[in-house]
């Protein structure tokens, strides 16, 4: 595995997630409940959109944490090893998810 390419990919993914987080900041802001300017259904839609944006943000933050953990493991030469059993994580799995924490067998027990 080319560690510099993996590091570059992880950093690129992290930057993209951080940019998406910044872009969606307005969608997560407090919904004003001014009945004069917005009807009841529009407010409900706005609240639903806000809730969805907040859920997406939680997923982005979790993914950023996983990427930061992968970068730490890469720096400590522990990247590519399962956190449970210590075996190698298949390269194909790391290509799909470079922040994978577990080998296929251990990942199935964590679901």
PDB file of N, CA and C in Angstrom:
ATOM      1  N   UNK A   1       0.839  -1.188   0.000  1.00  0.00           N
ATOM      2  CA  UNK A   1       0.000   0.000   0.000  1.00  0.00           C
ATOM      3  C   UNK A   1       0.881   1.248   0.000  1.00  0.00           C
ATOM      4  N   UNK A   2       0.493   2.199  -0.790  1.00  0.00           N
ATOM      5  CA  UNK A   2       1.210   3.466  -0.888  1.00  0.00           C
ATOM      6  C   UNK A   2       0.674   4.421   0.182  1.00  0.00           C
ATOM      7  N   UNK A   3       1.424   4.546   1.281  1.00  0.00           N
ATOM      8  CA  UNK A   3       0.970   5.337   2.422  1.00  0.00           C
ATOM      9  C   UNK A   3       0.761   6.810   2.078  1.00  0.00           C
ATOM     10  N   UNK A   4       1.591   7.360   1.212  1.00  0.00           N
ATOM     11  CA  UNK A   4       1.419   8.776   0.865  1.00  0.00           C
ATOM     12  C   UNK A   4       0.138   8.988   0.064  1.00  0.00           C
ATOM     13  N   UNK A   5      -0.204   8.050  -0.803  1.00  0.00           N
ATOM     14  CA  UNK A   5      -1.448   8.154  -1.568  1.00  0.00           C
ATOM     15  C   UNK A   5      -2.659   7.992  -0.647  1.00  0.00           C
ATOM     16  N   UNK A   6      -2.567   7.077   0.294  1.00  0.00           N
ATOM     17  CA  UNK A   6      -3.654   6.876   1.256  1.00  0.00           C
ATOM     18  C   UNK A   6      -3.844   8.131   2.103  1.00  0.00           C
ATOM     19  N   UNK A   7      -2.738   8.686   2.575  1.00  0.00           N
ATOM     20  CA  UNK A   7      -2.812   9.906   3.379  1.00  0.00           C
ATOM     21  C   UNK A   7      -3.443  11.052   2.584  1.00  0.00           C
ATOM     22  N   UNK A   8      -3.039  11.208   1.350  1.00  0.00           N
ATOM     23  CA  UNK A   8      -3.593  12.268   0.497  1.00  0.00           C
ATOM     24  C   UNK A   8      -5.094  12.053   0.285  1.00  0.00           C
ATOM     25  N   UNK A   9      -5.506  10.809   0.056  1.00  0.00           N
ATOM     26  CA  UNK A   9      -6.920  10.502  -0.142  1.00  0.00           C
ATOM     27  C   UNK A   9      -7.722  10.797   1.118  1.00  0.00           C
ATOM     28  N   UNK A  10      -7.205  10.393   2.271  1.00  0.00           N
ATOM     29  CA  UNK A  10      -7.897  10.649   3.534  1.00  0.00           C
ATOM     30  C   UNK A  10      -8.032  12.152   3.792  1.00  0.00           C
ATOM     31  N   UNK A  11      -6.975  12.893   3.545  1.00  0.00           N
ATOM     32  CA  UNK A  11      -7.019  14.345   3.759  1.00  0.00           C
ATOM     33  C   UNK A  11      -7.997  15.014   2.788  1.00  0.00           C
ATOM     34  N   UNK A  12      -8.041  14.520   1.559  1.00  0.00           N
ATOM     35  CA  UNK A  12      -8.983  15.064   0.575  1.00  0.00           C
ATOM     36  C   UNK A  12     -10.420  14.819   1.015  1.00  0.00           C
ATOM     37  N   UNK A  13     -10.695  13.597   1.463  1.00  0.00           N
ATOM     38  CA  UNK A  13     -12.036  13.254   1.933  1.00  0.00           C
ATOM     39  C   UNK A  13     -12.433  14.109   3.140  1.00  0.00           C
ATOM     40  N   UNK A  14     -11.495  14.301   4.051  1.00  0.00           N
ATOM     41  CA  UNK A  14     -11.769  15.116   5.240  1.00  0.00           C
ATOM     42  C   UNK A  14     -12.086  16.557   4.837  1.00  0.00           C
ATOM     43  N   UNK A  15     -11.314  17.104   3.921  1.00  0.00           N
ATOM     44  CA  UNK A  15     -11.540  18.476   3.466  1.00  0.00           C
ATOM     45  C   UNK A  15     -12.918  18.611   2.813  1.00  0.00           C
ATOM     46  N   UNK A  16     -13.299  17.640   1.996  1.00  0.00           N
ATOM     47  CA  UNK A  16     -14.611  17.664   1.354  1.00  0.00           C
ATOM     48  C   UNK A  16     -15.729  17.660   2.394  1.00  0.00           C
ATOM     49  N   UNK A  17     -15.586  16.821   3.417  1.00  0.00           N
ATOM     50  CA  UNK A  17     -16.601  16.760   4.471  1.00  0.00           C
ATOM     51  C   UNK A  17     -16.672  18.074   5.243  1.00  0.00           C
ATOM     52  N   UNK A  18     -15.525  18.662   5.526  1.00  0.00           N
ATOM     53  CA  UNK A  18     -15.509  19.940   6.237  1.00  0.00           C
ATOM     54  C   UNK A  18     -16.148  21.046   5.395  1.00  0.00           C
ATOM     55  N   UNK A  19     -15.910  21.016   4.084  1.00  0.00           N
ATOM     56  CA  UNK A  19     -16.526  22.008   3.198  1.00  0.00           C
ATOM     57  C   UNK A  19     -18.037  21.818   3.140  1.00  0.00           C
ATOM     58  N   UNK A  20     -18.498  20.571   3.077  1.00  0.00           N
ATOM     59  CA  UNK A  20     -19.938  20.298   3.088  1.00  0.00           C
ATOM     60  C   UNK A  20     -20.568  20.771   4.395  1.00  0.00           C
ATOM     61  N   UNK A  21     -19.842  20.580   5.478  1.00  0.00           N
ATOM     62  CA  UNK A  21     -20.324  21.032   6.778  1.00  0.00           C
ATOM     63  C   UNK A  21     -20.508  22.543   6.793  1.00  0.00           C
ATOM     64  N   UNK A  22     -19.558  23.245   6.243  1.00  0.00           N
ATOM     65  CA  UNK A  22     -19.641  24.711   6.196  1.00  0.00           C
ATOM     66  C   UNK A  22     -20.793  25.159   5.293  1.00  0.00           C
ATOM     67  N   UNK A  23     -20.942  24.507   4.166  1.00  0.00           N
ATOM     68  CA  UNK A  23     -22.007  24.862   3.224  1.00  0.00           C
ATOM     69  C   UNK A  23     -23.391  24.655   3.850  1.00  0.00           C
ATOM     70  N   UNK A  24     -23.536  23.602   4.634  1.00  0.00           N
ATOM     71  CA  UNK A  24     -24.846  23.267   5.192  1.00  0.00           C
ATOM     72  C   UNK A  24     -25.143  23.963   6.516  1.00  0.00           C
ATOM     73  N   UNK A  25     -24.270  24.857   6.917  1.00  0.00           N
ATOM     74  CA  UNK A  25     -24.443  25.544   8.203  1.00  0.00           C
ATOM     75  C   UNK A  25     -25.801  26.252   8.284  1.00  0.00           C
ATOM     76  N   UNK A  26     -26.203  26.942   7.230  1.00  0.00           N
ATOM     77  CA  UNK A  26     -27.478  27.661   7.240  1.00  0.00           C
ATOM     78  C   UNK A  26     -28.656  26.709   7.376  1.00  0.00           C
ATOM     79  N   UNK A  27     -28.576  25.542   6.760  1.00  0.00           N
ATOM     80  CA  UNK A  27     -29.676  24.578   6.821  1.00  0.00           C
ATOM     81  C   UNK A  27     -29.870  24.042   8.234  1.00  0.00           C
ATOM     82  N   UNK A  28     -28.816  24.089   9.057  1.00  0.00           N
ATOM     83  CA  UNK A  28     -28.901  23.599  10.430  1.00  0.00           C
ATOM     84  C   UNK A  28     -29.260  24.694  11.423  1.00  0.00           C
ATOM     85  N   UNK A  29     -29.339  25.926  10.963  1.00  0.00           N
ATOM     86  CA  UNK A  29     -29.615  27.039  11.873  1.00  0.00           C
ATOM     87  C   UNK A  29     -31.051  26.961  12.393  1.00  0.00           C
ATOM     88  N   UNK A  30     -31.314  27.694  13.447  1.00  0.00           N
ATOM     89  CA  UNK A  30     -32.617  27.692  14.089  1.00  0.00           C
ATOM     90  C   UNK A  30     -33.694  28.175  13.126  1.00  0.00           C
ATOM     91  N   UNK A  31     -34.779  27.444  13.111  1.00  0.00           N
ATOM     92  CA  UNK A  31     -35.916  27.808  12.265  1.00  0.00           C
ATOM     93  C   UNK A  31     -36.760  28.819  13.021  1.00  0.00           C
ATOM     94  N   UNK A  32     -37.011  29.970  12.399  1.00  0.00           N
ATOM     95  CA  UNK A  32     -37.861  30.978  13.039  1.00  0.00           C
ATOM     96  C   UNK A  32     -39.314  30.580  12.836  1.00  0.00           C
ATOM     97  N   UNK A  33     -40.097  30.749  13.870  1.00  0.00           N
ATOM     98  CA  UNK A  33     -41.492  30.341  13.836  1.00  0.00           C
ATOM     99  C   UNK A  33     -42.408  31.554  13.774  1.00  0.00           C
ATOM    100  N   UNK A  34     -42.151  32.433  12.846  1.00  0.00           N
ATOM    101  CA  UNK A  34     -42.955  33.628  12.644  1.00  0.00           C
ATOM    102  C   UNK A  34     -44.149  33.273  11.762  1.00  0.00           C
ATOM    103  N   UNK A  35     -45.342  33.184  12.362  1.00  0.00           N
ATOM    104  CA  UNK A  35     -46.527  32.780  11.615  1.00  0.00           C
ATOM    105  C   UNK A  35     -46.941  33.797  10.565  1.00  0.00           C
ATOM    106  N   UNK A  36     -46.523  35.025  10.701  1.00  0.00           N
ATOM    107  CA  UNK A  36     -46.892  36.033   9.720  1.00  0.00           C
ATOM    108  C   UNK A  36     -46.175  35.810   8.392  1.00  0.00           C
ATOM    109  N   UNK A  37     -44.923  35.339   8.459  1.00  0.00           N
ATOM    110  CA  UNK A  37     -44.145  35.219   7.222  1.00  0.00           C
ATOM    111  C   UNK A  37     -44.158  33.812   6.630  1.00  0.00           C
ATOM    112  N   UNK A  38     -44.453  32.819   7.429  1.00  0.00           N
ATOM    113  CA  UNK A  38     -44.407  31.436   6.948  1.00  0.00           C
ATOM    114  C   UNK A  38     -45.638  30.697   7.440  1.00  0.00           C
ATOM    115  N   UNK A  39     -46.273  29.963   6.546  1.00  0.00           N
ATOM    116  CA  UNK A  39     -47.438  29.172   6.924  1.00  0.00           C
ATOM    117  C   UNK A  39     -47.048  27.964   7.743  1.00  0.00           C
ATOM    118  N   UNK A  40     -48.057  27.302   8.306  1.00  0.00           N
ATOM    119  CA  UNK A  40     -47.819  26.157   9.196  1.00  0.00           C
ATOM    120  C   UNK A  40     -47.091  25.028   8.472  1.00  0.00           C
ATOM    121  N   UNK A  41     -47.508  24.675   7.272  1.00  0.00           N
ATOM    122  CA  UNK A  41     -46.858  23.586   6.530  1.00  0.00           C
ATOM    123  C   UNK A  41     -45.433  23.955   6.147  1.00  0.00           C
ATOM    124  N   UNK A  42     -45.213  25.200   5.792  1.00  0.00           N
ATOM    125  CA  UNK A  42     -43.865  25.634   5.448  1.00  0.00           C
ATOM    126  C   UNK A  42     -42.943  25.546   6.658  1.00  0.00           C
ATOM    127  N   UNK A  43     -43.457  25.886   7.830  1.00  0.00           N
ATOM    128  CA  UNK A  43     -42.660  25.767   9.060  1.00  0.00           C
ATOM    129  C   UNK A  43     -42.327  24.314   9.340  1.00  0.00           C
ATOM    130  N   UNK A  44     -43.313  23.435   9.142  1.00  0.00           N
ATOM    131  CA  UNK A  44     -43.079  22.008   9.361  1.00  0.00           C
ATOM    132  C   UNK A  44     -42.018  21.491   8.389  1.00  0.00           C
ATOM    133  N   UNK A  45     -42.102  21.918   7.145  1.00  0.00           N
ATOM    134  CA  UNK A  45     -41.087  21.538   6.156  1.00  0.00           C
ATOM    135  C   UNK A  45     -39.714  22.044   6.567  1.00  0.00           C
ATOM    136  N   UNK A  46     -39.672  23.290   7.035  1.00  0.00           N
ATOM    137  CA  UNK A  46     -38.400  23.883   7.448  1.00  0.00           C
ATOM    138  C   UNK A  46     -37.817  23.129   8.638  1.00  0.00           C
ATOM    139  N   UNK A  47     -38.666  22.749   9.600  1.00  0.00           N
ATOM    140  CA  UNK A  47     -38.189  21.989  10.761  1.00  0.00           C
ATOM    141  C   UNK A  47     -37.690  20.608  10.345  1.00  0.00           C
ATOM    142  N   UNK A  48     -38.395  19.987   9.402  1.00  0.00           N
ATOM    143  CA  UNK A  48     -37.964  18.681   8.916  1.00  0.00           C
ATOM    144  C   UNK A  48     -36.627  18.789   8.178  1.00  0.00           C
ATOM    145  N   UNK A  49     -36.478  19.804   7.362  1.00  0.00           N
ATOM    146  CA  UNK A  49     -35.220  20.016   6.643  1.00  0.00           C
ATOM    147  C   UNK A  49     -34.076  20.293   7.617  1.00  0.00           C
ATOM    148  N   UNK A  50     -34.370  21.048   8.673  1.00  0.00           N
ATOM    149  CA  UNK A  50     -33.352  21.323   9.687  1.00  0.00           C
ATOM    150  C   UNK A  50     -32.928  20.027  10.377  1.00  0.00           C
ATOM    151  N   UNK A  51     -33.900  19.191  10.738  1.00  0.00           N
ATOM    152  CA  UNK A  51     -33.590  17.916  11.394  1.00  0.00           C
ATOM    153  C   UNK A  51     -32.753  17.018  10.486  1.00  0.00           C
ATOM    154  N   UNK A  52     -33.082  16.991   9.204  1.00  0.00           N
ATOM    155  CA  UNK A  52     -32.304  16.185   8.258  1.00  0.00           C
ATOM    156  C   UNK A  52     -30.887  16.738   8.118  1.00  0.00           C
ATOM    157  N   UNK A  53     -30.754  18.053   8.075  1.00  0.00           N
ATOM    158  CA  UNK A  53     -29.429  18.672   7.967  1.00  0.00           C
ATOM    159  C   UNK A  53     -28.595  18.368   9.203  1.00  0.00           C
ATOM    160  N   UNK A  54     -29.228  18.377  10.380  1.00  0.00           N
ATOM    161  CA  UNK A  54     -28.504  18.061  11.620  1.00  0.00           C
ATOM    162  C   UNK A  54     -28.065  16.597  11.636  1.00  0.00           C
ATOM    163  N   UNK A  55     -28.921  15.701  11.156  1.00  0.00           N
ATOM    164  CA  UNK A  55     -28.557  14.285  11.097  1.00  0.00           C
ATOM    165  C   UNK A  55     -27.396  14.068  10.121  1.00  0.00           C
ATOM    166  N   UNK A  56     -27.448  14.751   8.986  1.00  0.00           N
ATOM    167  CA  UNK A  56     -26.345  14.659   8.022  1.00  0.00           C
ATOM    168  C   UNK A  56     -25.051  15.188   8.626  1.00  0.00           C
ATOM    169  N   UNK A  57     -25.149  16.248   9.400  1.00  0.00           N
ATOM    170  CA  UNK A  57     -23.956  16.823  10.038  1.00  0.00           C
ATOM    171  C   UNK A  57     -23.359  15.846  11.044  1.00  0.00           C
ATOM    172  N   UNK A  58     -24.215  15.175  11.812  1.00  0.00           N
ATOM    173  CA  UNK A  58     -23.699  14.176  12.760  1.00  0.00           C
ATOM    174  C   UNK A  58     -22.946  13.071  12.020  1.00  0.00           C
ATOM    175  N   UNK A  59     -23.479  12.633  10.882  1.00  0.00           N
ATOM    176  CA  UNK A  59     -22.804  11.605  10.081  1.00  0.00           C
ATOM    177  C   UNK A  59     -21.471  12.115   9.531  1.00  0.00           C
ATOM    178  N   UNK A  60     -21.455  13.378   9.090  1.00  0.00           N
ATOM    179  CA  UNK A  60     -20.200  13.960   8.590  1.00  0.00           C
ATOM    180  C   UNK A  60     -19.156  14.024   9.692  1.00  0.00           C
ATOM    181  N   UNK A  61     -19.556  14.459  10.888  1.00  0.00           N
ATOM    182  CA  UNK A  61     -18.612  14.557  12.004  1.00  0.00           C
ATOM    183  C   UNK A  61     -18.071  13.186  12.384  1.00  0.00           C
ATOM    184  N   UNK A  62     -18.923  12.178  12.356  1.00  0.00           N
ATOM    185  CA  UNK A  62     -18.482  10.814  12.643  1.00  0.00           C
ATOM    186  C   UNK A  62     -17.467  10.353  11.598  1.00  0.00           C
ATOM    187  N   UNK A  63     -17.740  10.644  10.341  1.00  0.00           N
ATOM    188  CA  UNK A  63     -16.816  10.268   9.269  1.00  0.00           C
ATOM    189  C   UNK A  63     -15.488  11.013   9.407  1.00  0.00           C
ATOM    190  N   UNK A  64     -15.536  12.276   9.776  1.00  0.00           N
ATOM    191  CA  UNK A  64     -14.303  13.051   9.991  1.00  0.00           C
ATOM    192  C   UNK A  64     -13.489  12.430  11.117  1.00  0.00           C
ATOM    193  N   UNK A  65     -14.150  12.019  12.195  1.00  0.00           N
ATOM    194  CA  UNK A  65     -13.451  11.362  13.302  1.00  0.00           C
ATOM    195  C   UNK A  65     -12.794  10.065  12.852  1.00  0.00           C
ATOM    196  N   UNK A  66     -13.506   9.291  12.026  1.00  0.00           N
ATOM    197  CA  UNK A  66     -12.944   8.033  11.513  1.00  0.00           C
ATOM    198  C   UNK A  66     -11.716   8.310  10.643  1.00  0.00           C
ATOM    199  N   UNK A  67     -11.785   9.369   9.834  1.00  0.00           N
ATOM    200  CA  UNK A  67     -10.656   9.731   8.970  1.00  0.00           C
ATOM    201  C   UNK A  67      -9.472  10.179   9.811  1.00  0.00           C
ATOM    202  N   UNK A  68      -9.722  11.002  10.826  1.00  0.00           N
ATOM    203  CA  UNK A  68      -8.639  11.444  11.708  1.00  0.00           C
ATOM    204  C   UNK A  68      -7.998  10.258  12.423  1.00  0.00           C
ATOM    205  N   UNK A  69      -8.809   9.296  12.826  1.00  0.00           N
ATOM    206  CA  UNK A  69      -8.285   8.079  13.458  1.00  0.00           C
ATOM    207  C   UNK A  69      -7.421   7.294  12.478  1.00  0.00           C
ATOM    208  N   UNK A  70      -7.862   7.205  11.226  1.00  0.00           N
ATOM    209  CA  UNK A  70      -7.086   6.498  10.201  1.00  0.00           C
ATOM    210  C   UNK A  70      -5.760   7.218   9.949  1.00  0.00           C
ATOM    211  N   UNK A  71      -5.782   8.550   9.927  1.00  0.00           N
ATOM    212  CA  UNK A  71      -4.537   9.307   9.738  1.00  0.00           C
ATOM    213  C   UNK A  71      -3.575   9.077  10.901  1.00  0.00           C
ATOM    214  N   UNK A  72      -4.104   8.985  12.111  1.00  0.00           N
ATOM    215  CA  UNK A  72      -3.268   8.694  13.280  1.00  0.00           C
ATOM    216  C   UNK A  72      -2.662   7.303  13.170  1.00  0.00           C
ATOM    217  N   UNK A  73      -3.493   6.312  12.800  1.00  0.00           N
ATOM    218  CA  UNK A  73      -2.974   4.950  12.648  1.00  0.00           C
ATOM    219  C   UNK A  73      -1.927   4.895  11.544  1.00  0.00           C
ATOM    220  N   UNK A  74      -2.120   5.666  10.493  1.00  0.00           N
ATOM    221  CA  UNK A  74      -1.162   5.715   9.387  1.00  0.00           C
ATOM    222  C   UNK A  74       0.176   6.277   9.885  1.00  0.00           C
ATOM    223  N   UNK A  75       0.116   7.341  10.663  1.00  0.00           N
ATOM    224  CA  UNK A  75       1.335   7.968  11.193  1.00  0.00           C
ATOM    225  C   UNK A  75       2.068   7.053  12.171  1.00  0.00           C
ATOM    226  N   UNK A  76       1.310   6.228  12.877  1.00  0.00           N
ATOM    227  CA  UNK A  76       1.904   5.320  13.872  1.00  0.00           C
ATOM    228  C   UNK A  76       2.205   3.942  13.283  1.00  0.00           C
ATOM    229  N   UNK A  77       2.095   3.826  11.955  1.00  0.00           N
ATOM    230  CA  UNK A  77       2.363   2.577  11.234  1.00  0.00           C
ATOM    231  C   UNK A  77       1.473   1.431  11.713  1.00  0.00           C
ATOM    232  N   UNK A  78       0.238   1.756  12.087  1.00  0.00           N
ATOM    233  CA  UNK A  78      -0.733   0.749  12.509  1.00  0.00           C
ATOM    234  C   UNK A  78      -1.912   0.689  11.545  1.00  0.00           C
ATOM    235  N   UNK A  79      -1.808   1.396  10.430  1.00  0.00           N
ATOM    236  CA  UNK A  79      -2.897   1.456   9.456  1.00  0.00           C
ATOM    237  C   UNK A  79      -3.033   0.130   8.723  1.00  0.00           C
ATOM    238  N   UNK A  80      -4.278  -0.277   8.513  1.00  0.00           N
ATOM    239  CA  UNK A  80      -4.539  -1.491   7.744  1.00  0.00           C
ATOM    240  C   UNK A  80      -4.676  -2.738   8.593  1.00  0.00           C
ATOM    241  N   UNK A  81      -4.629  -2.571   9.914  1.00  0.00           N
ATOM    242  CA  UNK A  81      -4.795  -3.705  10.818  1.00  0.00           C
ATOM    243  C   UNK A  81      -6.106  -3.570  11.576  1.00  0.00           C
ATOM    244  N   UNK A  82      -6.819  -4.660  11.724  1.00  0.00           N
ATOM    245  CA  UNK A  82      -8.097  -4.693  12.419  1.00  0.00           C
ATOM    246  C   UNK A  82      -7.907  -4.329  13.895  1.00  0.00           C
ATOM    247  N   UNK A  83      -8.770  -3.451  14.393  1.00  0.00           N
ATOM    248  CA  UNK A  83      -8.674  -3.046  15.800  1.00  0.00           C
ATOM    249  C   UNK A  83      -9.077  -4.151  16.758  1.00  0.00           C
ATOM    250  N   UNK A  84      -9.860  -5.126  16.286  1.00  0.00           N
ATOM    251  CA  UNK A  84     -10.283  -6.229  17.156  1.00  0.00           C
ATOM    252  C   UNK A  84      -9.278  -7.376  17.168  1.00  0.00           C
ATOM    253  N   UNK A  85      -9.038  -7.950  16.001  1.00  0.00           N
ATOM    254  CA  UNK A  85      -8.222  -9.171  15.949  1.00  0.00           C
ATOM    255  C   UNK A  85      -6.766  -8.915  15.567  1.00  0.00           C
ATOM    256  N   UNK A  86      -6.474  -7.739  15.020  1.00  0.00           N
ATOM    257  CA  UNK A  86      -5.101  -7.419  14.642  1.00  0.00           C
ATOM    258  C   UNK A  86      -4.685  -7.919  13.264  1.00  0.00           C
ATOM    259  N   UNK A  87      -5.554  -8.667  12.601  1.00  0.00           N
ATOM    260  CA  UNK A  87      -5.242  -9.151  11.251  1.00  0.00           C
ATOM    261  C   UNK A  87      -5.278  -8.000  10.256  1.00  0.00           C
ATOM    262  N   UNK A  88      -4.710  -8.256   9.092  1.00  0.00           N
ATOM    263  CA  UNK A  88      -4.755  -7.256   8.020  1.00  0.00           C
ATOM    264  C   UNK A  88      -6.198  -7.036   7.574  1.00  0.00           C
ATOM    265  N   UNK A  89      -6.509  -5.784   7.279  1.00  0.00           N
ATOM    266  CA  UNK A  89      -7.773  -5.461   6.631  1.00  0.00           C
ATOM    267  C   UNK A  89      -7.503  -5.584   5.136  1.00  0.00           C
ATOM    268  N   UNK A  90      -8.377  -6.270   4.422  1.00  0.00           N
ATOM    269  CA  UNK A  90      -8.180  -6.497   2.992  1.00  0.00           C
ATOM    270  C   UNK A  90      -8.026  -5.177   2.247  1.00  0.00           C
ATOM    271  N   UNK A  91      -7.081  -5.143   1.311  1.00  0.00           N
ATOM    272  CA  UNK A  91      -6.844  -3.928   0.526  1.00  0.00           C
ATOM    273  C   UNK A  91      -8.095  -3.464  -0.195  1.00  0.00           C
ATOM    274  N   UNK A  92      -8.878  -4.417  -0.681  1.00  0.00           N
ATOM    275  CA  UNK A  92     -10.118  -4.062  -1.378  1.00  0.00           C
ATOM    276  C   UNK A  92     -11.058  -3.306  -0.445  1.00  0.00           C
ATOM    277  N   UNK A  93     -11.114  -3.739   0.799  1.00  0.00           N
ATOM    278  CA  UNK A  93     -11.962  -3.067   1.801  1.00  0.00           C
ATOM    279  C   UNK A  93     -11.450  -1.657   2.067  1.00  0.00           C
ATOM    280  N   UNK A  94     -10.150  -1.501   2.174  1.00  0.00           N
ATOM    281  CA  UNK A  94      -9.557  -0.181   2.421  1.00  0.00           C
ATOM    282  C   UNK A  94      -9.702   0.733   1.210  1.00  0.00           C
ATOM    283  N   UNK A  95      -9.756   0.167   0.022  1.00  0.00           N
ATOM    284  CA  UNK A  95      -9.971   0.991  -1.172  1.00  0.00           C
ATOM    285  C   UNK A  95     -11.376   1.582  -1.161  1.00  0.00           C
ATOM    286  N   UNK A  96     -12.341   0.793  -0.713  1.00  0.00           N
ATOM    287  CA  UNK A  96     -13.727   1.263  -0.636  1.00  0.00           C
ATOM    288  C   UNK A  96     -13.888   2.229   0.525  1.00  0.00           C
ATOM    289  N   UNK A  97     -13.313   1.895   1.685  1.00  0.00           N
ATOM    290  CA  UNK A  97     -13.405   2.727   2.885  1.00  0.00           C
ATOM    291  C   UNK A  97     -12.026   2.813   3.526  1.00  0.00           C
ATOM    292  N   UNK A  98     -11.241   3.834   3.156  1.00  0.00           N
ATOM    293  CA  UNK A  98      -9.886   3.933   3.694  1.00  0.00           C
ATOM    294  C   UNK A  98      -9.831   4.178   5.201  1.00  0.00           C
ATOM    295  N   UNK A  99     -10.968   4.482   5.807  1.00  0.00           N
ATOM    296  CA  UNK A  99     -11.002   4.696   7.256  1.00  0.00           C
ATOM    297  C   UNK A  99     -11.541   3.467   7.990  1.00  0.00           C
ATOM    298  N   UNK A 100     -11.609   2.326   7.301  1.00  0.00           N
ATOM    299  CA  UNK A 100     -12.137   1.101   7.910  1.00  0.00           C
ATOM    300  C   UNK A 100     -11.328   0.736   9.149  1.00  0.00           C
ATOM    301  N   UNK A 101     -12.051   0.344  10.184  1.00  0.00           N
ATOM    302  CA  UNK A 101     -11.416  -0.001  11.461  1.00  0.00           C
ATOM    303  C   UNK A 101     -11.241  -1.503  11.647  1.00  0.00           C
ATOM    304  N   UNK A 102     -12.067  -2.272  10.948  1.00  0.00           N
ATOM    305  CA  UNK A 102     -12.116  -3.712  11.203  1.00  0.00           C
ATOM    306  C   UNK A 102     -12.011  -4.510   9.903  1.00  0.00           C
ATOM    307  N   UNK A 103     -11.505  -5.724  10.034  1.00  0.00           N
ATOM    308  CA  UNK A 103     -11.525  -6.651   8.909  1.00  0.00           C
ATOM    309  C   UNK A 103     -12.981  -7.053   8.668  1.00  0.00           C
ATOM    310  N   UNK A 104     -13.225  -7.726   7.572  1.00  0.00           N
ATOM    311  CA  UNK A 104     -14.592  -8.086   7.204  1.00  0.00           C
ATOM    312  C   UNK A 104     -15.278  -8.907   8.296  1.00  0.00           C
ATOM    313  N   UNK A 105     -14.573  -9.876   8.841  1.00  0.00           N
ATOM    314  CA  UNK A 105     -15.164 -10.774   9.833  1.00  0.00           C
ATOM    315  C   UNK A 105     -15.540  -9.999  11.104  1.00  0.00           C
ATOM    316  N   UNK A 106     -14.614  -9.184  11.601  1.00  0.00           N
ATOM    317  CA  UNK A 106     -14.895  -8.425  12.825  1.00  0.00           C
ATOM    318  C   UNK A 106     -15.925  -7.318  12.573  1.00  0.00           C
ATOM    319  N   UNK A 107     -15.932  -6.746  11.389  1.00  0.00           N
ATOM    320  CA  UNK A 107     -16.903  -5.687  11.069  1.00  0.00           C
ATOM    321  C   UNK A 107     -18.320  -6.240  11.125  1.00  0.00           C
ATOM    322  N   UNK A 108     -18.505  -7.482  10.697  1.00  0.00           N
ATOM    323  CA  UNK A 108     -19.852  -8.052  10.710  1.00  0.00           C
ATOM    324  C   UNK A 108     -20.365  -8.250  12.138  1.00  0.00           C
ATOM    325  N   UNK A 109     -19.467  -8.407  13.089  1.00  0.00           N
ATOM    326  CA  UNK A 109     -19.903  -8.549  14.499  1.00  0.00           C
ATOM    327  C   UNK A 109     -20.169  -7.197  15.150  1.00  0.00           C
ATOM    328  N   UNK A 110     -19.753  -6.104  14.516  1.00  0.00           N
ATOM    329  CA  UNK A 110     -19.981  -4.770  15.067  1.00  0.00           C
ATOM    330  C   UNK A 110     -21.253  -4.113  14.539  1.00  0.00           C
ATOM    331  N   UNK A 111     -21.967  -4.792  13.672  1.00  0.00           N
ATOM    332  CA  UNK A 111     -23.182  -4.173  13.097  1.00  0.00           C
ATOM    333  C   UNK A 111     -24.383  -4.407  13.925  1.00  0.00           C
TER     334      UNK A 111
END
